[in-house]
Amino acid sequence: MISLLAAIINLLANLIIILVIVDTLLSFFLSPYNQIRSALDSLIQPLLTPIRKTVPLVGMFDFSPLILIIIIEIIKFVLISLLSAL
């Protein structure tokens, strides 16, 4: 049961990370009004907004997707470690 829960946490974290990467890459190529990008933005932007409010832009670079990925990995590690301790 615990290994199943750990696998689900791992799968969800990896799925969110993939969505963040795809959303970031599509933002270079697609219009914000594209249906695919709009759908991804509606999922990912609520996660990125608090980070963007806290972390300023560095030149023209937005590091909020990278910070979000790091936060997701940390949360995944902590949750799986806690489950392993049970």
Protein backbone atom coordinates (compact mmCIF):
# COMPACT_ATOMS: atom_id res chain seq x y z
CA MET A 1 0.00 0.00 0.00
CA ILE A 2 2.77 2.42 0.91
CA SER A 3 4.74 1.61 -2.24
CA LEU A 4 1.61 2.20 -4.32
CA LEU A 5 1.10 5.60 -2.70
CA ALA A 6 4.78 6.45 -3.27
CA ALA A 7 4.42 5.44 -6.93
CA ILE A 8 1.36 7.67 -7.31
CA ILE A 9 3.20 10.63 -5.72
CA ASN A 10 6.15 10.02 -8.02
CA LEU A 11 3.90 9.79 -11.09
CA LEU A 12 1.99 12.98 -10.25
CA ALA A 13 5.17 14.94 -9.53
CA ASN A 14 6.74 13.80 -12.79
CA LEU A 15 3.56 14.65 -14.71
CA ILE A 16 3.51 18.19 -13.28
CA ILE A 17 7.20 18.63 -14.10
CA ILE A 18 6.61 17.51 -17.69
CA LEU A 19 3.68 19.93 -17.98
CA VAL A 20 5.84 22.79 -16.67
CA ILE A 21 8.57 22.01 -19.21
CA VAL A 22 6.11 21.67 -22.10
CA ASP A 23 4.32 24.89 -21.12
CA THR A 24 7.63 26.75 -20.93
CA LEU A 25 8.79 25.46 -24.31
CA LEU A 26 5.46 26.18 -26.00
CA SER A 27 5.53 29.74 -24.70
CA PHE A 28 8.44 30.37 -27.10
CA PHE A 29 6.61 29.08 -30.17
CA LEU A 30 2.85 29.44 -29.72
CA SER A 31 0.61 32.43 -29.30
CA PRO A 32 -0.91 32.87 -25.82
CA TYR A 33 -4.30 32.47 -27.51
CA ASN A 34 -3.54 29.00 -28.86
CA GLN A 35 -5.90 26.40 -27.35
CA ILE A 36 -3.16 24.01 -26.25
CA ARG A 37 -1.06 26.71 -24.65
CA SER A 38 -4.14 28.26 -23.02
CA ALA A 39 -5.08 24.91 -21.49
CA LEU A 40 -1.55 24.33 -20.17
CA ASP A 41 -1.36 27.90 -18.85
CA SER A 42 -4.58 27.40 -16.92
CA LEU A 43 -2.96 24.42 -15.15
CA ILE A 44 0.57 25.74 -14.63
CA GLN A 45 0.21 29.50 -14.13
CA PRO A 46 -1.48 29.22 -10.69
CA LEU A 47 1.61 27.34 -9.52
CA LEU A 48 4.03 29.83 -11.08
CA THR A 49 2.31 33.07 -10.01
CA PRO A 50 3.37 33.02 -6.32
CA ILE A 51 6.95 32.26 -7.35
CA ARG A 52 6.95 35.10 -9.88
CA LYS A 53 5.74 37.49 -7.20
CA THR A 54 8.61 36.46 -4.93
CA VAL A 55 11.51 35.95 -7.35
CA PRO A 56 12.33 38.88 -9.64
CA LEU A 57 13.35 38.48 -13.27
CA VAL A 58 17.07 38.20 -13.86
CA GLY A 59 17.58 40.31 -16.94
CA MET A 60 15.12 38.86 -19.43
CA PHE A 61 15.13 35.42 -17.84
CA ASP A 62 12.28 34.01 -15.76
CA PHE A 63 13.56 31.30 -13.44
CA SER A 64 10.15 30.55 -11.89
CA PRO A 65 9.62 27.29 -13.88
CA LEU A 66 13.01 26.01 -12.70
CA ILE A 67 12.24 26.98 -9.10
CA LEU A 68 8.84 25.26 -9.35
CA ILE A 69 10.49 22.06 -10.59
CA ILE A 70 12.95 22.16 -7.70
CA ILE A 71 10.11 22.71 -5.20
CA ILE A 72 8.13 19.80 -6.67
CA GLU A 73 11.18 17.53 -6.44
CA ILE A 74 11.76 18.52 -2.80
CA ILE A 75 8.12 17.90 -1.89
CA LYS A 76 8.22 14.55 -3.70
CA PHE A 77 11.39 13.54 -1.86
CA VAL A 78 9.98 14.53 1.53
CA LEU A 79 6.65 12.77 1.00
CA ILE A 80 8.24 9.56 -0.26
CA SER A 81 10.77 9.64 2.60
CA LEU A 82 7.95 10.05 5.11
CA LEU A 83 6.06 7.14 3.56
CA SER A 84 9.19 4.98 3.63
CA ALA A 85 9.60 5.69 7.34
CA LEU A 86 6.16 4.23 8.11
